Amino acid sequence: MSNAEKQMMSPALAAERVAAGLAARRGRERRFRIYGRIAIGIALAFLVTLFVSIFSKGIPGFFQHYVTIEVTLDRAKLDPAGDLSVQSLYDGDARGVIRKALFEAAEASGRVGPQGGRQDHLAGGRSNGSAAPFSMILTFLIRPSR
């Protein structure tokens, strides 16, 4: 093969093509780096949003609120048998006594709900098991010592 068959290009033309190719490659590399930084920025923004959402919903879990209300202890409701036995105290309506005191404290007596009955949404503010410890305390406080 001769030089004429290979059609050699001049060194100046080769240098121009290489320089043009390098400029295009550097431009693509620059755009790729910018796209990567934008992607990292978006990922960090979503991460910050996620943490803000988690903490804003979780912070109320670190606080406790206490409510003190006066409860009138009606012996007829708490001890239906009247013998102050443990079974009689557990059979009593401690939950009703607590609910009545809660409604009186909230001045919610006489409210009517959508189904026509009393609204028990105020009763949701206390735990379902609040009457059980109350009955246990009554067992020890009311029961005469032997």
Protein backbone atom coordinates (compact mmCIF):
# COMPACT_ATOMS: atom_id res chain seq x y z
CA MET A 1 0.00 0.00 0.00
CA SER A 2 1.17 3.42 -0.85
CA ASN A 3 0.55 6.73 0.90
CA ALA A 4 -1.84 7.71 -1.85
CA GLU A 5 -4.03 4.69 -1.19
CA LYS A 6 -4.23 5.30 2.56
CA GLN A 7 -5.16 8.90 1.97
CA MET A 8 -3.26 10.22 4.89
CA MET A 9 -4.55 13.44 6.37
CA SER A 10 -2.33 16.28 7.24
CA PRO A 11 -1.22 16.68 10.85
CA ALA A 12 -3.00 20.05 11.11
CA LEU A 13 -6.31 18.55 9.97
CA ALA A 14 -5.87 15.61 12.36
CA ALA A 15 -5.14 18.01 15.23
CA GLU A 16 -8.33 19.99 14.39
CA ARG A 17 -10.47 16.84 14.40
CA VAL A 18 -8.95 15.63 17.66
CA ALA A 19 -9.44 19.08 19.24
CA ALA A 20 -13.08 19.17 18.06
CA GLY A 21 -13.65 15.65 19.43
CA LEU A 22 -12.04 16.59 22.76
CA ALA A 23 -14.16 19.75 23.01
CA ALA A 24 -17.33 17.71 22.39
CA ARG A 25 -16.20 15.10 24.92
CA ARG A 26 -15.47 17.77 27.53
CA GLY A 27 -18.89 19.35 26.89
CA ARG A 28 -20.62 15.99 27.38
CA GLU A 29 -18.57 15.39 30.53
CA ARG A 30 -19.53 18.84 31.89
CA ARG A 31 -23.24 18.22 31.18
CA PHE A 32 -23.00 14.77 32.79
CA ARG A 33 -21.48 16.28 35.94
CA ILE A 34 -24.18 18.97 36.04
CA TYR A 35 -26.91 16.32 35.62
CA GLY A 36 -25.33 14.30 38.44
CA ARG A 37 -25.25 17.31 40.75
CA ILE A 38 -28.87 18.14 39.92
CA ALA A 39 -29.86 14.51 40.65
CA ILE A 40 -28.02 14.61 43.99
CA GLY A 41 -29.71 17.94 44.83
CA ILE A 42 -33.16 16.52 44.04
CA ALA A 43 -32.40 13.39 46.10
CA LEU A 44 -31.29 15.55 49.05
CA ALA A 45 -34.44 17.69 48.73
CA PHE A 46 -36.60 14.55 48.89
CA LEU A 47 -34.57 13.26 51.82
CA VAL A 48 -35.04 16.52 53.71
CA THR A 49 -38.77 16.44 52.90
CA LEU A 50 -38.96 12.86 54.18
CA PHE A 51 -37.17 13.70 57.45
CA VAL A 52 -39.29 16.82 58.01
CA SER A 53 -42.43 14.74 57.45
CA ILE A 54 -41.27 11.99 59.82
CA PHE A 55 -40.23 14.39 62.58
CA SER A 56 -43.30 16.61 62.28
CA LYS A 57 -45.56 13.58 62.68
CA GLY A 58 -43.41 11.95 65.36
CA ILE A 59 -42.71 14.88 67.67
CA PRO A 60 -46.18 14.83 69.31
CA GLY A 61 -45.38 11.30 70.48
CA PHE A 62 -42.78 12.74 72.86
CA PHE A 63 -45.34 14.76 74.82
CA GLN A 64 -47.87 13.66 77.39
CA HIS A 65 -50.95 15.57 78.38
CA TYR A 66 -52.76 15.01 81.62
CA VAL A 67 -56.27 16.03 82.52
CA THR A 68 -57.51 16.12 86.08
CA ILE A 69 -61.24 16.03 86.61
CA GLU A 70 -63.41 15.63 89.66
CA VAL A 71 -65.19 12.29 89.77
CA THR A 72 -68.16 11.82 92.08
CA LEU A 73 -67.99 8.27 93.39
CA ASP A 74 -71.54 6.98 93.46
CA ARG A 75 -71.47 3.88 95.66
CA ALA A 76 -74.63 2.46 94.10
CA LYS A 77 -73.03 2.48 90.64
CA LEU A 78 -69.57 1.32 91.73
CA ASP A 79 -70.74 -1.43 94.10
CA PRO A 80 -74.12 -2.72 92.85
CA ALA A 81 -74.28 -5.61 95.35
CA GLY A 82 -73.37 -3.34 98.25
CA ASP A 83 -71.06 -5.87 99.88
CA LEU A 84 -67.74 -4.32 98.77
CA SER A 85 -66.60 -7.62 97.31
CA VAL A 86 -64.05 -7.66 94.51
CA GLN A 87 -66.60 -9.16 92.11
CA SER A 88 -69.18 -6.52 92.99
CA LEU A 89 -66.65 -3.74 92.36
CA TYR A 90 -65.71 -5.25 88.97
CA ASP A 91 -69.40 -5.63 88.11
CA GLY A 92 -69.98 -1.97 88.95
CA ASP A 93 -70.16 0.76 86.31
CA ALA A 94 -66.80 2.47 86.84
CA ARG A 95 -66.62 3.27 83.13
CA GLY A 96 -70.00 5.02 83.31
CA VAL A 97 -68.87 7.05 86.35
CA ILE A 98 -65.74 8.17 84.49
CA ARG A 99 -67.71 8.96 81.32
CA LYS A 100 -70.30 10.98 83.27
CA ALA A 101 -67.53 13.01 84.97
CA LEU A 102 -65.88 13.60 81.60
CA PHE A 103 -69.11 14.81 80.02
CA GLU A 104 -69.81 17.08 82.97
CA ALA A 105 -66.29 18.54 82.84
CA ALA A 106 -66.64 19.20 79.11
CA GLU A 107 -70.18 20.52 79.52
CA ALA A 108 -71.29 18.11 76.81
CA SER A 109 -74.46 16.79 78.36
CA GLY A 110 -77.49 16.69 76.10
CA ARG A 111 -75.54 16.66 72.85
CA VAL A 112 -77.06 14.52 70.14
CA GLY A 113 -75.00 12.66 67.56
CA PRO A 114 -75.86 11.86 63.93
CA GLN A 115 -77.55 8.57 64.92
CA GLY A 116 -79.68 10.33 67.49
CA GLY A 117 -77.75 9.10 70.54
CA ARG A 118 -75.24 10.89 72.69
CA GLN A 119 -71.96 11.73 71.10
CA ASP A 120 -69.26 9.67 72.70
CA HIS A 121 -66.43 11.42 70.91
CA LEU A 122 -65.31 12.87 74.23
CA ALA A 123 -65.00 9.39 75.66
CA GLY A 124 -62.35 8.66 73.02
CA GLY A 125 -59.95 10.94 74.88
CA ARG A 126 -59.35 8.36 77.55
CA SER A 127 -58.04 4.86 77.17
CA ASN A 128 -60.44 1.93 76.99
CA GLY A 129 -58.85 0.35 80.04
CA SER A 130 -59.14 3.39 82.29
CA ALA A 131 -62.00 1.86 84.26
CA ALA A 132 -60.05 -1.30 85.15
CA PRO A 133 -57.31 0.46 87.15
CA PHE A 134 -60.03 2.63 88.69
CA SER A 135 -61.85 -0.51 89.87
CA MET A 136 -58.63 -1.97 91.21
CA ILE A 137 -57.88 1.21 93.16
CA LEU A 138 -61.42 1.18 94.55
CA THR A 139 -60.90 -2.40 95.66
CA PHE A 140 -58.02 -1.33 97.89
CA LEU A 141 -59.43 2.01 99.04
CA ILE A 142 -63.03 1.10 99.78
CA ARG A 143 -62.61 -2.46 101.01
CA PRO A 144 -62.39 -2.50 104.81
CA SER A 145 -59.17 -3.89 106.22
CA ARG A 146 -59.45 -7.16 108.11
